[in-house]
Protein backbone atom coordinates (compact mmCIF):
# COMPACT_ATOMS: atom_id res chain seq x y z
CA MET A 1 14.51 -31.23 41.67
CA THR A 2 13.15 -27.78 40.92
CA ILE A 3 15.36 -25.29 39.17
CA SER A 4 14.90 -21.69 38.15
CA VAL A 5 16.68 -19.88 35.36
CA SER A 6 16.93 -16.11 35.31
CA PHE A 7 18.56 -13.70 32.89
CA GLY A 8 20.12 -10.31 33.55
CA SER A 9 20.16 -7.26 31.33
CA SER A 10 21.33 -8.01 27.81
CA GLN A 11 24.21 -6.29 26.06
CA VAL A 12 23.89 -5.86 22.32
CA GLN A 13 26.59 -5.22 19.74
CA VAL A 14 25.64 -4.16 16.24
CA ASP A 15 27.57 -4.14 12.96
CA ASN A 16 27.10 -2.79 9.49
CA GLY A 17 25.80 -5.55 7.25
CA ASP A 18 25.16 -5.87 3.54
CA THR A 19 21.63 -4.51 3.95
CA GLY A 20 22.20 -2.11 6.87
CA VAL A 21 22.62 -2.46 10.62
CA GLN A 22 22.60 -6.03 11.93
CA LEU A 23 23.17 -7.67 15.28
CA ALA A 24 26.73 -8.88 15.78
CA GLN A 25 26.06 -10.52 19.14
CA VAL A 26 23.84 -10.47 22.20
CA ILE A 27 25.34 -11.20 25.62
CA LEU A 28 22.95 -12.44 28.31
CA PRO A 29 24.07 -13.02 31.92
CA TYR A 30 22.22 -15.97 33.46
CA SER A 31 21.89 -17.90 36.68
CA ILE A 32 20.48 -21.36 37.28
CA ARG A 33 19.49 -22.25 40.83
CA ASN A 34 18.19 -25.36 42.50
CA SER A 35 15.36 -24.06 44.68
CA GLU A 36 15.57 -27.15 46.92
CA ASP A 37 19.31 -26.76 47.62
CA SER A 38 20.72 -23.22 47.53
CA THR A 39 24.30 -24.55 47.28
CA LYS A 40 23.54 -25.80 43.75
CA TYR A 41 24.14 -22.81 41.49
CA LEU A 42 25.41 -22.24 37.97
CA GLY A 43 25.90 -18.84 36.45
CA GLY A 44 27.69 -17.06 33.69
CA GLN A 45 26.90 -15.38 30.45
CA MET A 46 25.66 -16.74 27.16
CA THR A 47 26.69 -15.08 23.91
CA LEU A 48 24.34 -15.40 20.98
CA PHE A 49 25.46 -14.82 17.41
CA PRO A 50 23.55 -14.49 14.11
CA SER A 51 24.22 -18.21 13.57
CA ASP A 52 22.11 -18.83 16.71
CA GLY A 53 19.16 -17.11 15.04
CA ILE A 54 19.23 -13.61 16.56
CA LYS A 55 17.58 -10.90 14.51
CA LEU A 56 17.32 -7.14 14.85
CA SER A 57 13.54 -7.50 15.07
CA ASP A 58 13.76 -9.81 18.15
CA ASN A 59 12.78 -8.76 21.63
CA THR A 60 14.44 -9.73 24.91
CA LYS A 61 12.17 -12.75 25.40
CA ASP A 62 13.23 -14.10 21.99
CA TRP A 63 16.89 -13.81 23.02
CA GLU A 64 16.19 -15.47 26.38
CA ARG A 65 14.46 -18.36 24.62
CA LEU A 66 17.44 -18.84 22.29
CA ALA A 67 19.91 -18.54 25.18
CA PHE A 68 17.96 -21.07 27.26
CA ALA A 69 18.03 -23.58 24.39
CA LYS A 70 21.77 -23.04 23.94
CA ILE A 71 22.38 -23.48 27.70
CA LYS A 72 20.35 -26.72 27.72
CA ASN A 73 22.39 -28.07 24.80
CA MET A 74 25.65 -27.06 26.47
CA VAL A 75 24.71 -28.85 29.71
CA ALA A 76 23.44 -31.92 27.84
CA ASP A 77 26.67 -32.15 25.84
CA ASP A 78 28.75 -31.89 29.02
CA TRP A 79 26.61 -34.53 30.73
CA GLN A 80 26.93 -36.90 27.77
CA TYR A 81 30.74 -36.70 27.59
CA ARG A 82 31.47 -36.67 31.32
CA ASP A 83 33.63 -39.52 32.55
CA TRP A 84 31.63 -41.12 35.38
CA GLU A 85 34.28 -43.60 36.57
């Protein structure tokens, strides 16, 4: 199975921190498609927080990398706890 993951335009929220402006959260819309079967589609948005490792010095690719890792973990957790009976 071949899948593709794409991200939309990010939305950033900032806050005042102890040392100045800091990222409060980054919201990234995403879609995951199976290129062999167009009916297989998953989409939504992933919200990243400072606890996920976002930094003000990051670029969009850094956020996409973090979001992709978080999506993979979310799917793996769901797969592990799914009742297959």
